[in-house]
Amino acid sequence: MKHLPYFCRGEVVRGFGRGSKELGIPTANFSEEVVDSFPSDIATGIYYGWACVGNGDVHKMVLSIGWNPYYKNVKKSVETHIIHTFNEDFYGEILSIIIVGYIRPEKNFDSLDALIAAIKGDIEEAEKTLELPEHQKLKDHNFFQMNNVNSVANGH
């Protein structure tokens, strides 16, 4: 994956409203503008890495880039699930992410339960893989020290 690690920062916007409600797996969504700033040849699929909301702590995350075949999206989206429990929504906050690795391609699922099981498997893989020393060092990257709050793609 030639684009990894990939650094991105942008405002959290309202998504489709199904991450928390239908899946029980809340996601933070980037605006179309931020999604459009991703390299056009970055593969769609599921990735893992690090995420930080505002000036908060850095947490493990999984991320979906693509059209979400189960939901038949017409617009490409970038949806981040931060592996941490937040007490409240953070729409309008700045989300900084470092995409570290690739888990699997996007695919369609026969049922919502199958989709949820796959996402839970992705989360387990991310939690384990991000413990590797080469990934741990990115958790402390100075990209997460937010001096510049503007939307930045690969701006490290």
N, C-alpha and C. Protein backbone atom coordinates (compact mmCIF):
# COMPACT_ATOMS: atom_id res chain seq x y z
N MET A 1 0.85 -1.19 0.00
CA MET A 1 0.00 0.00 0.00
C MET A 1 0.89 1.24 0.00
N LYS A 2 1.07 1.81 -1.14
CA LYS A 2 2.03 2.90 -1.30
C LYS A 2 1.64 4.17 -0.54
N HIS A 3 0.37 4.33 -0.19
CA HIS A 3 -0.07 5.57 0.47
C HIS A 3 0.04 5.51 1.99
N LEU A 4 0.47 4.36 2.54
CA LEU A 4 0.48 4.21 3.99
C LEU A 4 1.87 4.42 4.58
N PRO A 5 1.98 5.02 5.76
CA PRO A 5 0.86 5.56 6.52
C PRO A 5 0.30 6.82 5.85
N TYR A 6 -1.01 7.01 6.03
CA TYR A 6 -1.70 8.16 5.45
C TYR A 6 -2.23 9.03 6.57
N PHE A 7 -1.91 10.31 6.52
CA PHE A 7 -2.29 11.27 7.55
C PHE A 7 -3.44 12.13 7.03
N CYS A 8 -4.48 12.29 7.85
CA CYS A 8 -5.64 13.06 7.42
C CYS A 8 -6.28 13.74 8.62
N ARG A 9 -6.79 14.93 8.37
CA ARG A 9 -7.46 15.68 9.43
C ARG A 9 -8.66 16.39 8.83
N GLY A 10 -9.78 16.39 9.53
CA GLY A 10 -10.95 17.10 9.03
C GLY A 10 -12.05 17.12 10.07
N GLU A 11 -13.06 17.90 9.77
CA GLU A 11 -14.19 18.05 10.68
C GLU A 11 -15.10 16.83 10.61
N VAL A 12 -15.63 16.44 11.77
CA VAL A 12 -16.58 15.33 11.83
C VAL A 12 -17.97 15.87 11.45
N VAL A 13 -18.59 15.22 10.47
CA VAL A 13 -19.92 15.63 10.01
C VAL A 13 -20.91 14.50 10.23
N ARG A 14 -22.18 14.83 10.16
CA ARG A 14 -23.21 13.79 10.30
C ARG A 14 -23.15 12.86 9.10
N GLY A 15 -23.22 11.57 9.39
CA GLY A 15 -23.20 10.58 8.32
C GLY A 15 -24.61 10.10 8.01
N PHE A 16 -24.72 8.82 7.74
CA PHE A 16 -26.01 8.24 7.38
C PHE A 16 -26.86 7.90 8.60
N GLY A 17 -26.26 7.96 9.79
CA GLY A 17 -27.00 7.69 11.01
C GLY A 17 -27.27 6.22 11.27
N ARG A 18 -26.46 5.35 10.66
CA ARG A 18 -26.74 3.93 10.86
C ARG A 18 -25.64 3.23 11.67
N GLY A 19 -24.47 3.84 11.80
CA GLY A 19 -23.39 3.20 12.56
C GLY A 19 -23.81 2.85 13.96
N SER A 20 -24.28 3.84 14.70
CA SER A 20 -24.72 3.61 16.07
C SER A 20 -26.04 2.89 16.13
N LYS A 21 -27.00 3.35 15.34
CA LYS A 21 -28.37 2.87 15.46
C LYS A 21 -28.54 1.44 14.95
N GLU A 22 -28.10 1.17 13.74
CA GLU A 22 -28.32 -0.16 13.17
C GLU A 22 -27.25 -1.16 13.56
N LEU A 23 -26.01 -0.68 13.65
CA LEU A 23 -24.90 -1.60 13.84
C LEU A 23 -24.41 -1.67 15.27
N GLY A 24 -24.69 -0.64 16.06
CA GLY A 24 -24.13 -0.59 17.42
C GLY A 24 -22.64 -0.30 17.38
N ILE A 25 -22.18 0.22 16.25
CA ILE A 25 -20.75 0.51 16.05
C ILE A 25 -20.66 1.93 15.51
N PRO A 26 -20.58 2.92 16.40
CA PRO A 26 -20.60 4.32 15.96
C PRO A 26 -19.39 4.67 15.09
N THR A 27 -19.63 5.53 14.11
CA THR A 27 -18.54 5.98 13.25
C THR A 27 -18.52 7.50 13.19
N ALA A 28 -17.33 8.02 12.98
CA ALA A 28 -17.14 9.45 12.72
C ALA A 28 -16.91 9.60 11.23
N ASN A 29 -17.63 10.52 10.62
CA ASN A 29 -17.59 10.69 9.17
C ASN A 29 -16.91 11.98 8.77
N PHE A 30 -16.10 11.91 7.73
CA PHE A 30 -15.48 13.10 7.15
C PHE A 30 -16.41 13.69 6.09
N SER A 31 -16.27 14.98 5.83
CA SER A 31 -17.03 15.66 4.79
C SER A 31 -16.63 15.14 3.42
N GLU A 32 -17.48 15.41 2.42
CA GLU A 32 -17.15 15.05 1.04
C GLU A 32 -15.84 15.67 0.60
N GLU A 33 -15.60 16.90 1.04
CA GLU A 33 -14.37 17.61 0.68
C GLU A 33 -13.13 16.85 1.14
N VAL A 34 -13.16 16.36 2.37
CA VAL A 34 -12.03 15.59 2.89
C VAL A 34 -11.92 14.26 2.16
N VAL A 35 -13.06 13.59 1.95
CA VAL A 35 -13.06 12.30 1.23
C VAL A 35 -12.47 12.50 -0.17
N ASP A 36 -12.85 13.58 -0.83
CA ASP A 36 -12.34 13.85 -2.19
C ASP A 36 -10.85 14.14 -2.20
N SER A 37 -10.28 14.53 -1.05
CA SER A 37 -8.85 14.84 -1.01
C SER A 37 -7.98 13.58 -0.88
N PHE A 38 -8.60 12.43 -0.61
CA PHE A 38 -7.85 11.17 -0.54
C PHE A 38 -7.30 10.85 -1.93
N PRO A 39 -6.15 10.19 -2.01
CA PRO A 39 -5.63 9.80 -3.33
C PRO A 39 -6.67 8.98 -4.09
N SER A 40 -6.86 9.30 -5.36
CA SER A 40 -7.90 8.62 -6.14
C SER A 40 -7.61 7.14 -6.30
N ASP A 41 -6.34 6.75 -6.18
CA ASP A 41 -6.01 5.34 -6.36
C ASP A 41 -5.84 4.58 -5.05
N ILE A 42 -6.24 5.18 -3.92
CA ILE A 42 -6.20 4.43 -2.66
C ILE A 42 -7.30 3.38 -2.72
N ALA A 43 -6.95 2.15 -2.37
CA ALA A 43 -7.91 1.05 -2.49
C ALA A 43 -9.06 1.22 -1.51
N THR A 44 -10.28 0.91 -1.98
CA THR A 44 -11.40 0.88 -1.05
C THR A 44 -11.22 -0.34 -0.16
N GLY A 45 -11.81 -0.26 1.02
CA GLY A 45 -11.70 -1.40 1.93
C GLY A 45 -11.64 -0.95 3.38
N ILE A 46 -11.19 -1.88 4.21
CA ILE A 46 -11.14 -1.67 5.65
C ILE A 46 -9.68 -1.55 6.08
N TYR A 47 -9.40 -0.50 6.85
CA TYR A 47 -8.05 -0.19 7.30
C TYR A 47 -8.03 -0.07 8.82
N TYR A 48 -6.82 0.01 9.39
CA TYR A 48 -6.68 0.25 10.82
C TYR A 48 -5.65 1.34 11.04
N GLY A 49 -5.69 1.94 12.22
CA GLY A 49 -4.73 2.99 12.53
C GLY A 49 -5.05 3.66 13.84
N TRP A 50 -4.71 4.95 13.90
CA TRP A 50 -4.84 5.75 15.12
C TRP A 50 -5.74 6.95 14.85
N ALA A 51 -6.47 7.37 15.87
CA ALA A 51 -7.38 8.51 15.73
C ALA A 51 -7.38 9.34 17.00
N CYS A 52 -7.62 10.64 16.79
CA CYS A 52 -7.67 11.58 17.91
C CYS A 52 -8.74 12.62 17.61
N VAL A 53 -9.62 12.88 18.57
CA VAL A 53 -10.65 13.90 18.43
C VAL A 53 -10.17 15.15 19.14
N GLY A 54 -10.11 16.27 18.39
CA GLY A 54 -9.63 17.52 18.98
C GLY A 54 -8.23 17.35 19.54
N ASN A 55 -8.05 17.76 20.78
CA ASN A 55 -6.76 17.58 21.46
C ASN A 55 -6.82 16.44 22.45
N GLY A 56 -7.76 15.51 22.25
CA GLY A 56 -7.94 14.40 23.17
C GLY A 56 -6.88 13.32 23.02
N ASP A 57 -7.14 12.21 23.68
CA ASP A 57 -6.22 11.08 23.64
C ASP A 57 -6.26 10.41 22.27
N VAL A 58 -5.18 9.70 21.95
CA VAL A 58 -5.08 8.95 20.71
C VAL A 58 -5.56 7.53 20.98
N HIS A 59 -6.47 7.04 20.11
CA HIS A 59 -7.05 5.70 20.28
C HIS A 59 -6.88 4.89 19.00
N LYS A 60 -6.96 3.59 19.16
CA LYS A 60 -6.97 2.69 18.01
C LYS A 60 -8.27 2.92 17.23
N MET A 61 -8.21 2.63 15.92
CA MET A 61 -9.42 2.78 15.10
C MET A 61 -9.41 1.80 13.93
N VAL A 62 -10.61 1.55 13.40
CA VAL A 62 -10.77 0.90 12.11
C VAL A 62 -11.51 1.89 11.22
N LEU A 63 -11.29 1.78 9.94
CA LEU A 63 -11.81 2.78 9.01
C LEU A 63 -12.27 2.10 7.74
N SER A 64 -13.39 2.55 7.23
CA SER A 64 -13.92 2.06 5.96
C SER A 64 -13.79 3.16 4.92
N ILE A 65 -13.18 2.82 3.79
CA ILE A 65 -13.12 3.73 2.64
C ILE A 65 -13.89 3.06 1.52
N GLY A 66 -14.91 3.73 1.01
CA GLY A 66 -15.61 3.13 -0.12
C GLY A 66 -17.08 3.43 -0.16
N TRP A 67 -17.80 2.50 -0.78
CA TRP A 67 -19.22 2.69 -1.08
C TRP A 67 -20.13 1.85 -0.19
N ASN A 68 -19.57 1.09 0.73
CA ASN A 68 -20.38 0.26 1.63
C ASN A 68 -21.42 -0.55 0.86
N PRO A 69 -20.98 -1.61 0.19
CA PRO A 69 -21.88 -2.36 -0.69
C PRO A 69 -23.18 -2.81 -0.04
N TYR A 70 -23.15 -3.13 1.25
CA TYR A 70 -24.37 -3.60 1.91
C TYR A 70 -25.45 -2.53 1.83
N TYR A 71 -25.03 -1.27 1.94
CA TYR A 71 -25.99 -0.16 1.92
C TYR A 71 -26.12 0.49 0.55
N LYS A 72 -25.34 0.04 -0.42
CA LYS A 72 -25.41 0.55 -1.80
C LYS A 72 -25.28 2.08 -1.87
N ASN A 73 -24.27 2.60 -1.17
CA ASN A 73 -24.03 4.05 -1.21
C ASN A 73 -23.73 4.50 -2.63
N VAL A 74 -24.13 5.71 -2.97
CA VAL A 74 -23.78 6.27 -4.27
C VAL A 74 -22.59 7.21 -4.16
N LYS A 75 -22.27 7.65 -2.97
CA LYS A 75 -21.10 8.51 -2.76
C LYS A 75 -20.08 7.75 -1.93
N LYS A 76 -18.83 7.90 -2.30
CA LYS A 76 -17.74 7.31 -1.52
C LYS A 76 -17.72 7.96 -0.15
N SER A 77 -17.46 7.17 0.87
CA SER A 77 -17.38 7.72 2.22
C SER A 77 -16.13 7.21 2.92
N VAL A 78 -15.73 7.95 3.94
CA VAL A 78 -14.64 7.53 4.83
C VAL A 78 -15.23 7.59 6.23
N GLU A 79 -15.38 6.41 6.84
CA GLU A 79 -16.02 6.30 8.14
C GLU A 79 -15.06 5.66 9.12
N THR A 80 -14.82 6.36 10.23
CA THR A 80 -13.86 5.92 11.24
C THR A 80 -14.60 5.43 12.49
N HIS A 81 -14.30 4.22 12.91
CA HIS A 81 -14.80 3.73 14.20
C HIS A 81 -13.62 3.79 15.17
N ILE A 82 -13.72 4.68 16.13
CA ILE A 82 -12.67 4.81 17.15
C ILE A 82 -12.95 3.77 18.22
N ILE A 83 -11.93 2.98 18.56
CA ILE A 83 -12.10 1.90 19.52
C ILE A 83 -11.97 2.48 20.93
N HIS A 84 -13.02 3.15 21.32
CA HIS A 84 -13.09 3.84 22.61
C HIS A 84 -14.55 4.24 22.80
N THR A 85 -14.99 4.30 24.04
CA THR A 85 -16.36 4.74 24.31
C THR A 85 -16.36 6.21 24.67
N PHE A 86 -17.06 7.00 23.87
CA PHE A 86 -17.20 8.43 24.13
C PHE A 86 -18.55 8.67 24.79
N ASN A 87 -18.61 9.63 25.70
CA ASN A 87 -19.86 9.91 26.41
C ASN A 87 -20.85 10.70 25.58
N GLU A 88 -20.36 11.40 24.56
CA GLU A 88 -21.27 12.20 23.73
C GLU A 88 -20.75 12.29 22.30
N ASP A 89 -21.63 12.71 21.40
CA ASP A 89 -21.23 12.90 20.00
C ASP A 89 -20.22 14.03 19.90
N PHE A 90 -19.45 14.02 18.82
CA PHE A 90 -18.46 15.09 18.62
C PHE A 90 -18.52 15.66 17.21
N TYR A 91 -19.74 15.85 16.72
CA TYR A 91 -19.92 16.54 15.43
C TYR A 91 -19.30 17.93 15.53
N GLY A 92 -18.63 18.34 14.46
CA GLY A 92 -18.00 19.66 14.44
C GLY A 92 -16.60 19.68 15.01
N GLU A 93 -16.20 18.62 15.70
CA GLU A 93 -14.82 18.53 16.22
C GLU A 93 -13.89 18.14 15.07
N ILE A 94 -12.60 18.36 15.29
CA ILE A 94 -11.60 17.96 14.29
C ILE A 94 -11.10 16.55 14.64
N LEU A 95 -11.20 15.66 13.65
CA LEU A 95 -10.70 14.29 13.80
C LEU A 95 -9.39 14.18 13.03
N SER A 96 -8.35 13.74 13.72
CA SER A 96 -7.06 13.48 13.09
C SER A 96 -6.84 11.98 13.08
N ILE A 97 -6.46 11.45 11.91
CA ILE A 97 -6.22 10.00 11.81
C ILE A 97 -4.90 9.73 11.09
N ILE A 98 -4.32 8.62 11.47
CA ILE A 98 -3.19 8.06 10.71
C ILE A 98 -3.61 6.64 10.33
N ILE A 99 -3.75 6.42 9.03
CA ILE A 99 -4.09 5.08 8.54
C ILE A 99 -2.79 4.32 8.41
N VAL A 100 -2.71 3.19 9.10
CA VAL A 100 -1.46 2.45 9.22
C VAL A 100 -1.41 1.22 8.33
N GLY A 101 -2.53 0.49 8.25
CA GLY A 101 -2.52 -0.76 7.50
C GLY A 101 -3.88 -1.12 6.95
N TYR A 102 -3.87 -2.13 6.09
CA TYR A 102 -5.05 -2.59 5.35
C TYR A 102 -5.50 -3.93 5.91
N ILE A 103 -6.80 -4.09 6.14
CA ILE A 103 -7.32 -5.36 6.65
C ILE A 103 -7.91 -6.21 5.52
N ARG A 104 -8.85 -5.62 4.77
CA ARG A 104 -9.54 -6.42 3.75
C ARG A 104 -10.27 -5.50 2.77
N PRO A 105 -10.65 -6.04 1.60
CA PRO A 105 -11.43 -5.24 0.66
C PRO A 105 -12.88 -5.10 1.14
N GLU A 106 -13.59 -4.14 0.55
CA GLU A 106 -15.03 -4.02 0.79
C GLU A 106 -15.72 -5.23 0.19
N LYS A 107 -16.80 -5.64 0.82
CA LYS A 107 -17.60 -6.70 0.21
C LYS A 107 -19.02 -6.57 0.70
N ASN A 108 -19.91 -7.22 -0.01
CA ASN A 108 -21.31 -7.19 0.37
C ASN A 108 -21.57 -8.34 1.35
N PHE A 109 -22.62 -8.22 2.14
CA PHE A 109 -22.97 -9.25 3.11
C PHE A 109 -24.42 -9.64 2.91
N ASP A 110 -24.72 -10.90 3.25
CA ASP A 110 -26.07 -11.42 3.08
C ASP A 110 -27.03 -10.89 4.14
N SER A 111 -26.47 -10.46 5.27
CA SER A 111 -27.34 -10.01 6.36
C SER A 111 -26.62 -8.96 7.20
N LEU A 112 -27.39 -8.23 7.98
CA LEU A 112 -26.84 -7.26 8.90
C LEU A 112 -25.96 -7.96 9.93
N ASP A 113 -26.38 -9.13 10.40
CA ASP A 113 -25.60 -9.88 11.39
C ASP A 113 -24.22 -10.26 10.84
N ALA A 114 -24.17 -10.65 9.57
CA ALA A 114 -22.89 -11.02 8.95
C ALA A 114 -21.98 -9.79 8.85
N LEU A 115 -22.58 -8.64 8.50
CA LEU A 115 -21.81 -7.39 8.44
C LEU A 115 -21.25 -7.04 9.82
N ILE A 116 -22.09 -7.11 10.84
CA ILE A 116 -21.66 -6.78 12.20
C ILE A 116 -20.55 -7.73 12.65
N ALA A 117 -20.69 -9.01 12.36
CA ALA A 117 -19.65 -9.99 12.73
C ALA A 117 -18.33 -9.66 12.04
N ALA A 118 -18.38 -9.27 10.77
CA ALA A 118 -17.15 -8.92 10.04
C ALA A 118 -16.50 -7.69 10.66
N ILE A 119 -17.31 -6.68 11.00
CA ILE A 119 -16.76 -5.45 11.59
C ILE A 119 -16.11 -5.77 12.94
N LYS A 120 -16.76 -6.62 13.73
CA LYS A 120 -16.18 -6.99 15.03
C LYS A 120 -14.85 -7.72 14.83
N GLY A 121 -14.78 -8.56 13.79
CA GLY A 121 -13.51 -9.23 13.47
C GLY A 121 -12.44 -8.23 13.05
N ASP A 122 -12.85 -7.20 12.28
CA ASP A 122 -11.91 -6.15 11.87
C ASP A 122 -11.38 -5.41 13.10
N ILE A 123 -12.27 -5.12 14.05
CA ILE A 123 -11.87 -4.41 15.27
C ILE A 123 -10.87 -5.24 16.06
N GLU A 124 -11.15 -6.55 16.21
CA GLU A 124 -10.21 -7.43 16.92
C GLU A 124 -8.84 -7.44 16.24
N GLU A 125 -8.84 -7.54 14.92
CA GLU A 125 -7.57 -7.55 14.19
C GLU A 125 -6.81 -6.23 14.40
N ALA A 126 -7.52 -5.12 14.33
CA ALA A 126 -6.89 -3.81 14.53
C ALA A 126 -6.31 -3.70 15.94
N GLU A 127 -7.08 -4.12 16.94
CA GLU A 127 -6.60 -4.02 18.32
C GLU A 127 -5.30 -4.79 18.51
N LYS A 128 -5.23 -5.98 17.92
CA LYS A 128 -4.05 -6.83 18.06
C LYS A 128 -2.87 -6.27 17.25
N THR A 129 -3.11 -5.93 15.99
CA THR A 129 -2.03 -5.50 15.10
C THR A 129 -1.42 -4.18 15.54
N LEU A 130 -2.23 -3.28 16.08
CA LEU A 130 -1.71 -1.98 16.50
C LEU A 130 -0.81 -2.06 17.73
N GLU A 131 -0.75 -3.23 18.37
CA GLU A 131 0.17 -3.43 19.50
C GLU A 131 1.62 -3.63 19.03
N LEU A 132 1.82 -3.91 17.74
CA LEU A 132 3.17 -4.11 17.23
C LEU A 132 3.99 -2.83 17.40
N PRO A 133 5.27 -2.95 17.78
CA PRO A 133 6.09 -1.76 18.04
C PRO A 133 6.13 -0.77 16.88
N GLU A 134 6.18 -1.25 15.65
CA GLU A 134 6.25 -0.33 14.50
C GLU A 134 4.97 0.50 14.36
N HIS A 135 3.85 -0.02 14.87
CA HIS A 135 2.60 0.73 14.83
C HIS A 135 2.43 1.61 16.06
N GLN A 136 2.93 1.14 17.20
CA GLN A 136 2.84 1.91 18.45
C GLN A 136 3.53 3.26 18.33
N LYS A 137 4.65 3.29 17.59
CA LYS A 137 5.39 4.56 17.51
C LYS A 137 4.57 5.66 16.81
N LEU A 138 3.66 5.27 15.90
CA LEU A 138 2.82 6.27 15.23
C LEU A 138 1.76 6.86 16.16
N LYS A 139 1.44 6.14 17.22
CA LYS A 139 0.47 6.66 18.19
C LYS A 139 0.97 7.97 18.80
N ASP A 140 2.28 8.09 18.92
CA ASP A 140 2.89 9.28 19.54
C ASP A 140 3.37 10.30 18.51
N HIS A 141 2.97 10.14 17.27
CA HIS A 141 3.42 11.04 16.20
C HIS A 141 2.98 12.48 16.49
N ASN A 142 3.84 13.44 16.15
CA ASN A 142 3.51 14.85 16.44
C ASN A 142 2.34 15.37 15.61
N PHE A 143 1.87 14.61 14.62
CA PHE A 143 0.68 14.97 13.86
C PHE A 143 -0.52 15.14 14.79
N PHE A 144 -0.52 14.39 15.90
CA PHE A 144 -1.64 14.45 16.83
C PHE A 144 -1.57 15.65 17.78
N GLN A 145 -0.47 16.38 17.77
CA GLN A 145 -0.39 17.62 18.56
C GLN A 145 -0.97 18.70 17.67
N MET A 146 -2.23 19.05 17.88
CA MET A 146 -2.95 19.90 16.93
C MET A 146 -2.58 21.38 17.06
N ASN A 147 -1.69 21.83 16.20
CA ASN A 147 -1.38 23.25 16.13
C ASN A 147 -2.24 23.91 15.06
N ASN A 148 -2.52 23.15 14.01
CA ASN A 148 -3.26 23.67 12.87
C ASN A 148 -4.59 22.94 12.79
N VAL A 149 -5.70 23.65 12.95
CA VAL A 149 -7.00 22.99 12.96
C VAL A 149 -7.67 22.95 11.60
N ASN A 150 -7.00 23.37 10.55
CA ASN A 150 -7.59 23.31 9.21
C ASN A 150 -7.60 21.88 8.70
N SER A 151 -8.49 21.60 7.77
CA SER A 151 -8.52 20.27 7.15
C SER A 151 -7.23 20.06 6.39
N VAL A 152 -6.61 18.93 6.64
CA VAL A 152 -5.34 18.63 5.99
C VAL A 152 -5.38 17.17 5.56
N ALA A 153 -5.00 16.92 4.34
CA ALA A 153 -4.85 15.54 3.88
C ALA A 153 -3.36 15.30 3.66
N ASN A 154 -2.86 14.28 4.28
CA ASN A 154 -1.45 13.89 4.21
C ASN A 154 -0.54 15.05 4.59
N GLY A 155 -1.00 15.88 5.51
CA GLY A 155 -0.24 17.06 5.88
C GLY A 155 0.66 16.87 7.07
N HIS A 156 1.59 15.97 6.99
CA HIS A 156 2.50 15.76 8.13
C HIS A 156 3.84 16.41 7.92
